[in-house]
Amino acid sequence: MYKISEGIKQLFNRTGAKQKDVAAELGYKSPAIISNAMARENITLDVLVRICNQLNYDVVLRPNVVKPAESEIVINIPKKEGVNE
């Protein structure tokens, strides 16, 4: 499973898209919005969905007991100890 930043990097690698181009297509003034959010592992769901949609990917929720297909990129946010769900 990938961290958010690793999953997004994998999307960019698979599609050959550049962060600056995607940022511009999404109406951001700078690609720093994407790279800064990825560096902090603090990307909002809205930004994640917009990036994925721009790269022709969907964000899909599925039970975590199902093994992902090879073509899927699963992003995992590790649970913090002592935090109740």
PDB file of N, CA and C in Angstrom:
ATOM      1  N   MET A   1       0.834  -1.174   0.000  1.00  0.00           N
ATOM      2  CA  MET A   1       0.000   0.000   0.000  1.00  0.00           C
ATOM      3  C   MET A   1       0.882   1.243   0.000  1.00  0.00           C
ATOM      4  N   TYR A   2       0.344   2.289  -0.567  1.00  0.00           N
ATOM      5  CA  TYR A   2       1.080   3.532  -0.717  1.00  0.00           C
ATOM      6  C   TYR A   2       0.649   4.578   0.299  1.00  0.00           C
ATOM      7  N   LYS A   3       1.587   5.450   0.658  1.00  0.00           N
ATOM      8  CA  LYS A   3       1.215   6.681   1.342  1.00  0.00           C
ATOM      9  C   LYS A   3       0.587   7.570   0.268  1.00  0.00           C
ATOM     10  N   ILE A   4      -0.083   8.620   0.684  1.00  0.00           N
ATOM     11  CA  ILE A   4      -0.743   9.500  -0.285  1.00  0.00           C
ATOM     12  C   ILE A   4       0.247  10.030  -1.310  1.00  0.00           C
ATOM     13  N   SER A   5       1.373  10.566  -0.842  1.00  0.00           N
ATOM     14  CA  SER A   5       2.340  11.153  -1.776  1.00  0.00           C
ATOM     15  C   SER A   5       2.890  10.114  -2.734  1.00  0.00           C
ATOM     16  N   GLU A   6       3.155   8.907  -2.249  1.00  0.00           N
ATOM     17  CA  GLU A   6       3.678   7.851  -3.116  1.00  0.00           C
ATOM     18  C   GLU A   6       2.642   7.442  -4.162  1.00  0.00           C
ATOM     19  N   GLY A   7       1.377   7.378  -3.745  1.00  0.00           N
ATOM     20  CA  GLY A   7       0.318   7.024  -4.689  1.00  0.00           C
ATOM     21  C   GLY A   7       0.163   8.055  -5.790  1.00  0.00           C
ATOM     22  N   ILE A   8       0.222   9.331  -5.414  1.00  0.00           N
ATOM     23  CA  ILE A   8       0.096  10.392  -6.420  1.00  0.00           C
ATOM     24  C   ILE A   8       1.313  10.401  -7.347  1.00  0.00           C
ATOM     25  N   LYS A   9       2.500  10.199  -6.796  1.00  0.00           N
ATOM     26  CA  LYS A   9       3.704  10.108  -7.633  1.00  0.00           C
ATOM     27  C   LYS A   9       3.568   8.963  -8.633  1.00  0.00           C
ATOM     28  N   GLN A  10       3.031   7.842  -8.160  1.00  0.00           N
ATOM     29  CA  GLN A  10       2.824   6.692  -9.044  1.00  0.00           C
ATOM     30  C   GLN A  10       1.840   7.041 -10.164  1.00  0.00           C
ATOM     31  N   LEU A  11       0.780   7.795  -9.839  1.00  0.00           N
ATOM     32  CA  LEU A  11      -0.165   8.239 -10.871  1.00  0.00           C
ATOM     33  C   LEU A  11       0.538   9.099 -11.922  1.00  0.00           C
ATOM     34  N   PHE A  12       1.350  10.037 -11.466  1.00  0.00           N
ATOM     35  CA  PHE A  12       2.085  10.886 -12.410  1.00  0.00           C
ATOM     36  C   PHE A  12       3.042  10.046 -13.263  1.00  0.00           C
ATOM     37  N   ASN A  13       3.712   9.083 -12.643  1.00  0.00           N
ATOM     38  CA  ASN A  13       4.614   8.212 -13.403  1.00  0.00           C
ATOM     39  C   ASN A  13       3.871   7.386 -14.441  1.00  0.00           C
ATOM     40  N   ARG A  14       2.739   6.819 -14.050  1.00  0.00           N
ATOM     41  CA  ARG A  14       1.962   5.977 -14.974  1.00  0.00           C
ATOM     42  C   ARG A  14       1.411   6.767 -16.154  1.00  0.00           C
ATOM     43  N   THR A  15       1.001   8.002 -15.881  1.00  0.00           N
ATOM     44  CA  THR A  15       0.360   8.790 -16.939  1.00  0.00           C
ATOM     45  C   THR A  15       1.347   9.641 -17.722  1.00  0.00           C
ATOM     46  N   GLY A  16       2.545   9.861 -17.160  1.00  0.00           N
ATOM     47  CA  GLY A  16       3.525  10.721 -17.822  1.00  0.00           C
ATOM     48  C   GLY A  16       3.210  12.198 -17.685  1.00  0.00           C
ATOM     49  N   ALA A  17       2.210  12.524 -16.879  1.00  0.00           N
ATOM     50  CA  ALA A  17       1.818  13.925 -16.681  1.00  0.00           C
ATOM     51  C   ALA A  17       2.822  14.627 -15.774  1.00  0.00           C
ATOM     52  N   LYS A  18       2.915  15.920 -15.916  1.00  0.00           N
ATOM     53  CA  LYS A  18       3.790  16.753 -15.095  1.00  0.00           C
ATOM     54  C   LYS A  18       2.935  17.531 -14.093  1.00  0.00           C
ATOM     55  N   GLN A  19       3.447  17.684 -12.875  1.00  0.00           N
ATOM     56  CA  GLN A  19       2.701  18.401 -11.845  1.00  0.00           C
ATOM     57  C   GLN A  19       2.348  19.810 -12.285  1.00  0.00           C
ATOM     58  N   LYS A  20       3.278  20.486 -12.943  1.00  0.00           N
ATOM     59  CA  LYS A  20       3.011  21.871 -13.360  1.00  0.00           C
ATOM     60  C   LYS A  20       1.868  21.936 -14.365  1.00  0.00           C
ATOM     61  N   ASP A  21       1.790  20.950 -15.265  1.00  0.00           N
ATOM     62  CA  ASP A  21       0.716  20.939 -16.263  1.00  0.00           C
ATOM     63  C   ASP A  21      -0.635  20.644 -15.614  1.00  0.00           C
ATOM     64  N   VAL A  22      -0.662  19.663 -14.712  1.00  0.00           N
ATOM     65  CA  VAL A  22      -1.913  19.315 -14.033  1.00  0.00           C
ATOM     66  C   VAL A  22      -2.374  20.484 -13.168  1.00  0.00           C
ATOM     67  N   ALA A  23      -1.440  21.112 -12.458  1.00  0.00           N
ATOM     68  CA  ALA A  23      -1.790  22.270 -11.631  1.00  0.00           C
ATOM     69  C   ALA A  23      -2.409  23.376 -12.481  1.00  0.00           C
ATOM     70  N   ALA A  24      -1.809  23.636 -13.630  1.00  0.00           N
ATOM     71  CA  ALA A  24      -2.335  24.681 -14.519  1.00  0.00           C
ATOM     72  C   ALA A  24      -3.719  24.306 -15.038  1.00  0.00           C
ATOM     73  N   GLU A  25      -3.906  23.051 -15.423  1.00  0.00           N
ATOM     74  CA  GLU A  25      -5.203  22.592 -15.934  1.00  0.00           C
ATOM     75  C   GLU A  25      -6.288  22.656 -14.869  1.00  0.00           C
ATOM     76  N   LEU A  26      -5.881  22.525 -13.599  1.00  0.00           N
ATOM     77  CA  LEU A  26      -6.842  22.601 -12.497  1.00  0.00           C
ATOM     78  C   LEU A  26      -7.079  24.030 -12.026  1.00  0.00           C
ATOM     79  N   GLY A  27      -6.366  24.980 -12.625  1.00  0.00           N
ATOM     80  CA  GLY A  27      -6.572  26.374 -12.283  1.00  0.00           C
ATOM     81  C   GLY A  27      -5.714  26.889 -11.142  1.00  0.00           C
ATOM     82  N   TYR A  28      -4.729  26.090 -10.718  1.00  0.00           N
ATOM     83  CA  TYR A  28      -3.827  26.544  -9.661  1.00  0.00           C
ATOM     84  C   TYR A  28      -2.773  27.455 -10.271  1.00  0.00           C
ATOM     85  N   LYS A  29      -2.377  28.483  -9.533  1.00  0.00           N
ATOM     86  CA  LYS A  29      -1.373  29.424 -10.030  1.00  0.00           C
ATOM     87  C   LYS A  29       0.026  28.819 -10.006  1.00  0.00           C
ATOM     88  N   SER A  30       0.215  27.819  -9.162  1.00  0.00           N
ATOM     89  CA  SER A  30       1.539  27.227  -9.012  1.00  0.00           C
ATOM     90  C   SER A  30       1.412  25.729  -8.752  1.00  0.00           C
ATOM     91  N   PRO A  31       2.358  24.940  -9.275  1.00  0.00           N
ATOM     92  CA  PRO A  31       2.341  23.507  -8.970  1.00  0.00           C
ATOM     93  C   PRO A  31       2.702  23.228  -7.518  1.00  0.00           C
ATOM     94  N   ALA A  32       3.132  24.276  -6.802  1.00  0.00           N
ATOM     95  CA  ALA A  32       3.500  24.107  -5.392  1.00  0.00           C
ATOM     96  C   ALA A  32       2.325  23.626  -4.553  1.00  0.00           C
ATOM     97  N   ILE A  33       1.100  23.930  -4.970  1.00  0.00           N
ATOM     98  CA  ILE A  33      -0.081  23.463  -4.227  1.00  0.00           C
ATOM     99  C   ILE A  33      -0.051  21.942  -4.155  1.00  0.00           C
ATOM    100  N   ILE A  34       0.267  21.307  -5.260  1.00  0.00           N
ATOM    101  CA  ILE A  34       0.311  19.845  -5.300  1.00  0.00           C
ATOM    102  C   ILE A  34       1.540  19.329  -4.568  1.00  0.00           C
ATOM    103  N   SER A  35       2.708  19.849  -4.904  1.00  0.00           N
ATOM    104  CA  SER A  35       3.938  19.325  -4.308  1.00  0.00           C
ATOM    105  C   SER A  35       4.009  19.587  -2.803  1.00  0.00           C
ATOM    106  N   ASN A  36       3.543  20.745  -2.342  1.00  0.00           N
ATOM    107  CA  ASN A  36       3.557  21.025  -0.907  1.00  0.00           C
ATOM    108  C   ASN A  36       2.606  20.104  -0.146  1.00  0.00           C
ATOM    109  N   ALA A  37       1.433  19.885  -0.689  1.00  0.00           N
ATOM    110  CA  ALA A  37       0.470  18.989  -0.039  1.00  0.00           C
ATOM    111  C   ALA A  37       1.022  17.565   0.016  1.00  0.00           C
ATOM    112  N   MET A  38       1.680  17.147  -1.049  1.00  0.00           N
ATOM    113  CA  MET A  38       2.266  15.811  -1.069  1.00  0.00           C
ATOM    114  C   MET A  38       3.410  15.701  -0.062  1.00  0.00           C
ATOM    115  N   ALA A  39       4.222  16.721   0.048  1.00  0.00           N
ATOM    116  CA  ALA A  39       5.363  16.693   0.957  1.00  0.00           C
ATOM    117  C   ALA A  39       4.904  16.608   2.418  1.00  0.00           C
ATOM    118  N   ARG A  40       3.786  17.249   2.724  1.00  0.00           N
ATOM    119  CA  ARG A  40       3.267  17.246   4.093  1.00  0.00           C
ATOM    120  C   ARG A  40       2.354  16.053   4.362  1.00  0.00           C
ATOM    121  N   GLU A  41       2.061  15.253   3.351  1.00  0.00           N
ATOM    122  CA  GLU A  41       1.074  14.172   3.489  1.00  0.00           C
ATOM    123  C   GLU A  41      -0.240  14.739   4.018  1.00  0.00           C
ATOM    124  N   ASN A  42      -0.569  15.945   3.545  1.00  0.00           N
ATOM    125  CA  ASN A  42      -1.728  16.654   4.063  1.00  0.00           C
ATOM    126  C   ASN A  42      -2.632  17.109   2.919  1.00  0.00           C
ATOM    127  N   ILE A  43      -2.824  16.260   1.961  1.00  0.00           N
ATOM    128  CA  ILE A  43      -3.624  16.629   0.797  1.00  0.00           C
ATOM    129  C   ILE A  43      -5.103  16.441   1.141  1.00  0.00           C
ATOM    130  N   THR A  44      -5.917  17.383   0.747  1.00  0.00           N
ATOM    131  CA  THR A  44      -7.352  17.247   1.019  1.00  0.00           C
ATOM    132  C   THR A  44      -7.971  16.266   0.034  1.00  0.00           C
ATOM    133  N   LEU A  45      -9.085  15.730   0.413  1.00  0.00           N
ATOM    134  CA  LEU A  45      -9.793  14.807  -0.466  1.00  0.00           C
ATOM    135  C   LEU A  45     -10.180  15.503  -1.766  1.00  0.00           C
ATOM    136  N   ASP A  46     -10.598  16.759  -1.661  1.00  0.00           N
ATOM    137  CA  ASP A  46     -10.980  17.524  -2.843  1.00  0.00           C
ATOM    138  C   ASP A  46      -9.823  17.618  -3.832  1.00  0.00           C
ATOM    139  N   VAL A  47      -8.636  17.956  -3.336  1.00  0.00           N
ATOM    140  CA  VAL A  47      -7.467  18.076  -4.218  1.00  0.00           C
ATOM    141  C   VAL A  47      -7.091  16.706  -4.776  1.00  0.00           C
ATOM    142  N   LEU A  48      -7.137  15.682  -3.946  1.00  0.00           N
ATOM    143  CA  LEU A  48      -6.828  14.324  -4.416  1.00  0.00           C
ATOM    144  C   LEU A  48      -7.763  13.903  -5.541  1.00  0.00           C
ATOM    145  N   VAL A  49      -9.055  14.118  -5.349  1.00  0.00           N
ATOM    146  CA  VAL A  49     -10.039  13.740  -6.368  1.00  0.00           C
ATOM    147  C   VAL A  49      -9.819  14.542  -7.652  1.00  0.00           C
ATOM    148  N   ARG A  50      -9.554  15.844  -7.526  1.00  0.00           N
ATOM    149  CA  ARG A  50      -9.334  16.675  -8.713  1.00  0.00           C
ATOM    150  C   ARG A  50      -8.095  16.211  -9.487  1.00  0.00           C
ATOM    151  N   ILE A  51      -7.016  15.894  -8.785  1.00  0.00           N
ATOM    152  CA  ILE A  51      -5.803  15.406  -9.446  1.00  0.00           C
ATOM    153  C   ILE A  51      -6.094  14.083 -10.145  1.00  0.00           C
ATOM    154  N   CYS A  52      -6.712  13.168  -9.420  1.00  0.00           N
ATOM    155  CA  CYS A  52      -7.019  11.849 -10.003  1.00  0.00           C
ATOM    156  C   CYS A  52      -7.921  11.978 -11.221  1.00  0.00           C
ATOM    157  N   ASN A  53      -8.949  12.795 -11.131  1.00  0.00           N
ATOM    158  CA  ASN A  53      -9.850  12.981 -12.265  1.00  0.00           C
ATOM    159  C   ASN A  53      -9.116  13.577 -13.458  1.00  0.00           C
ATOM    160  N   GLN A  54      -8.219  14.524 -13.203  1.00  0.00           N
ATOM    161  CA  GLN A  54      -7.458  15.135 -14.291  1.00  0.00           C
ATOM    162  C   GLN A  54      -6.569  14.105 -14.985  1.00  0.00           C
ATOM    163  N   LEU A  55      -6.112  13.098 -14.234  1.00  0.00           N
ATOM    164  CA  LEU A  55      -5.263  12.043 -14.784  1.00  0.00           C
ATOM    165  C   LEU A  55      -6.074  10.835 -15.252  1.00  0.00           C
ATOM    166  N   ASN A  56      -7.401  11.009 -15.312  1.00  0.00           N
ATOM    167  CA  ASN A  56      -8.330   9.955 -15.757  1.00  0.00           C
ATOM    168  C   ASN A  56      -8.354   8.742 -14.831  1.00  0.00           C
ATOM    169  N   TYR A  57      -8.251   9.009 -13.535  1.00  0.00           N
ATOM    170  CA  TYR A  57      -8.404   7.977 -12.516  1.00  0.00           C
ATOM    171  C   TYR A  57      -9.563   8.364 -11.618  1.00  0.00           C
ATOM    172  N   ASP A  58     -10.177   7.378 -10.995  1.00  0.00           N
ATOM    173  CA  ASP A  58     -11.249   7.598 -10.032  1.00  0.00           C
ATOM    174  C   ASP A  58     -10.737   7.282  -8.636  1.00  0.00           C
ATOM    175  N   VAL A  59     -11.318   7.905  -7.648  1.00  0.00           N
ATOM    176  CA  VAL A  59     -11.081   7.537  -6.263  1.00  0.00           C
ATOM    177  C   VAL A  59     -12.202   6.572  -5.899  1.00  0.00           C
ATOM    178  N   VAL A  60     -11.836   5.369  -5.481  1.00  0.00           N
ATOM    179  CA  VAL A  60     -12.815   4.322  -5.230  1.00  0.00           C
ATOM    180  C   VAL A  60     -12.687   3.843  -3.792  1.00  0.00           C
ATOM    181  N   LEU A  61     -13.815   3.743  -3.108  1.00  0.00           N
ATOM    182  CA  LEU A  61     -13.838   3.168  -1.774  1.00  0.00           C
ATOM    183  C   LEU A  61     -14.313   1.740  -1.893  1.00  0.00           C
ATOM    184  N   ARG A  62     -13.594   0.848  -1.238  1.00  0.00           N
ATOM    185  CA  ARG A  62     -13.970  -0.558  -1.269  1.00  0.00           C
ATOM    186  C   ARG A  62     -13.575  -1.183   0.057  1.00  0.00           C
ATOM    187  N   PRO A  63     -14.166  -2.287   0.417  1.00  0.00           N
ATOM    188  CA  PRO A  63     -13.782  -2.942   1.661  1.00  0.00           C
ATOM    189  C   PRO A  63     -12.296  -3.307   1.612  1.00  0.00           C
ATOM    190  N   ASN A  64     -11.596  -3.143   2.732  1.00  0.00           N
ATOM    191  CA  ASN A  64     -10.174  -3.420   2.725  1.00  0.00           C
ATOM    192  C   ASN A  64      -9.834  -4.898   2.849  1.00  0.00           C
ATOM    193  N   VAL A  65     -10.832  -5.750   2.870  1.00  0.00           N
ATOM    194  CA  VAL A  65     -10.582  -7.186   2.902  1.00  0.00           C
ATOM    195  C   VAL A  65     -10.403  -7.756   1.501  1.00  0.00           C
ATOM    196  N   VAL A  66     -10.692  -6.951   0.497  1.00  0.00           N
ATOM    197  CA  VAL A  66     -10.548  -7.380  -0.893  1.00  0.00           C
ATOM    198  C   VAL A  66      -9.137  -7.046  -1.351  1.00  0.00           C
ATOM    199  N   LYS A  67      -8.468  -7.999  -1.985  1.00  0.00           N
ATOM    200  CA  LYS A  67      -7.123  -7.726  -2.483  1.00  0.00           C
ATOM    201  C   LYS A  67      -7.220  -6.828  -3.713  1.00  0.00           C
ATOM    202  N   PRO A  68      -6.386  -5.793  -3.769  1.00  0.00           N
ATOM    203  CA  PRO A  68      -6.433  -4.892  -4.929  1.00  0.00           C
ATOM    204  C   PRO A  68      -5.899  -5.561  -6.187  1.00  0.00           C
ATOM    205  N   ALA A  69      -6.458  -5.168  -7.303  1.00  0.00           N
ATOM    206  CA  ALA A  69      -5.962  -5.638  -8.591  1.00  0.00           C
ATOM    207  C   ALA A  69      -4.620  -4.965  -8.847  1.00  0.00           C
ATOM    208  N   GLU A  70      -3.813  -5.546  -9.708  1.00  0.00           N
ATOM    209  CA  GLU A  70      -2.487  -4.997  -9.990  1.00  0.00           C
ATOM    210  C   GLU A  70      -2.531  -3.587 -10.536  1.00  0.00           C
ATOM    211  N   SER A  71      -3.586  -3.226 -11.226  1.00  0.00           N
ATOM    212  CA  SER A  71      -3.656  -1.901 -11.823  1.00  0.00           C
ATOM    213  C   SER A  71      -4.090  -0.829 -10.834  1.00  0.00           C
ATOM    214  N   GLU A  72      -4.540  -1.238  -9.645  1.00  0.00           N
ATOM    215  CA  GLU A  72      -5.005  -0.275  -8.659  1.00  0.00           C
ATOM    216  C   GLU A  72      -3.844   0.308  -7.866  1.00  0.00           C
ATOM    217  N   ILE A  73      -4.012   1.532  -7.433  1.00  0.00           N
ATOM    218  CA  ILE A  73      -3.080   2.171  -6.516  1.00  0.00           C
ATOM    219  C   ILE A  73      -3.860   2.406  -5.236  1.00  0.00           C
ATOM    220  N   VAL A  74      -3.498   1.694  -4.192  1.00  0.00           N
ATOM    221  CA  VAL A  74      -4.200   1.807  -2.921  1.00  0.00           C
ATOM    222  C   VAL A  74      -3.393   2.716  -2.017  1.00  0.00           C
ATOM    223  N   ILE A  75      -4.032   3.766  -1.529  1.00  0.00           N
ATOM    224  CA  ILE A  75      -3.378   4.719  -0.639  1.00  0.00           C
ATOM    225  C   ILE A  75      -3.821   4.407   0.781  1.00  0.00           C
ATOM    226  N   ASN A  76      -2.857   4.252   1.670  1.00  0.00           N
ATOM    227  CA  ASN A  76      -3.146   3.880   3.038  1.00  0.00           C
ATOM    228  C   ASN A  76      -2.638   4.959   3.980  1.00  0.00           C
ATOM    229  N   ILE A  77      -3.473   5.362   4.904  1.00  0.00           N
ATOM    230  CA  ILE A  77      -3.066   6.276   5.957  1.00  0.00           C
ATOM    231  C   ILE A  77      -2.981   5.436   7.223  1.00  0.00           C
ATOM    232  N   PRO A  78      -1.751   5.195   7.718  1.00  0.00           N
ATOM    233  CA  PRO A  78      -1.605   4.331   8.898  1.00  0.00           C
ATOM    234  C   PRO A  78      -2.366   4.880  10.095  1.00  0.00           C
ATOM    235  N   LYS A  79      -2.960   3.973  10.855  1.00  0.00           N
ATOM    236  CA  LYS A  79      -3.677   4.362  12.063  1.00  0.00           C
ATOM    237  C   LYS A  79      -2.669   4.749  13.123  1.00  0.00           C
ATOM    238  N   LYS A  80      -2.967   5.804  13.875  1.00  0.00           N
ATOM    239  CA  LYS A  80      -2.099   6.230  14.970  1.00  0.00           C
ATOM    240  C   LYS A  80      -2.487   5.458  16.219  1.00  0.00           C
ATOM    241  N   GLU A  81      -1.490   5.045  16.964  1.00  0.00           N
ATOM    242  CA  GLU A  81      -1.763   4.314  18.194  1.00  0.00           C
ATOM    243  C   GLU A  81      -2.512   5.194  19.171  1.00  0.00           C
ATOM    244  N   GLY A  82      -3.473   4.614  19.845  1.00  0.00           N
ATOM    245  CA  GLY A  82      -4.216   5.339  20.856  1.00  0.00           C
ATOM    246  C   GLY A  82      -5.345   6.204  20.318  1.00  0.00           C
ATOM    247  N   VAL A  83      -5.562   6.182  19.008  1.00  0.00           N
ATOM    248  CA  VAL A  83      -6.630   6.976  18.411  1.00  0.00           C
ATOM    249  C   VAL A  83      -7.805   6.050  18.134  1.00  0.00           C
ATOM    250  N   ASN A  84      -8.933   6.383  18.677  1.00  0.00           N
ATOM    251  CA  ASN A  84     -10.129   5.568  18.449  1.00  0.00           C
ATOM    252  C   ASN A  84     -10.709   5.853  17.089  1.00  0.00           C
ATOM    253  N   GLU A  85     -11.283   4.839  16.497  1.00  0.00           N
ATOM    254  CA  GLU A  85     -11.904   5.018  15.178  1.00  0.00           C
ATOM    255  C   GLU A  85     -13.299   5.536  15.319  1.00  0.00           C
TER     256      GLU A  85
END
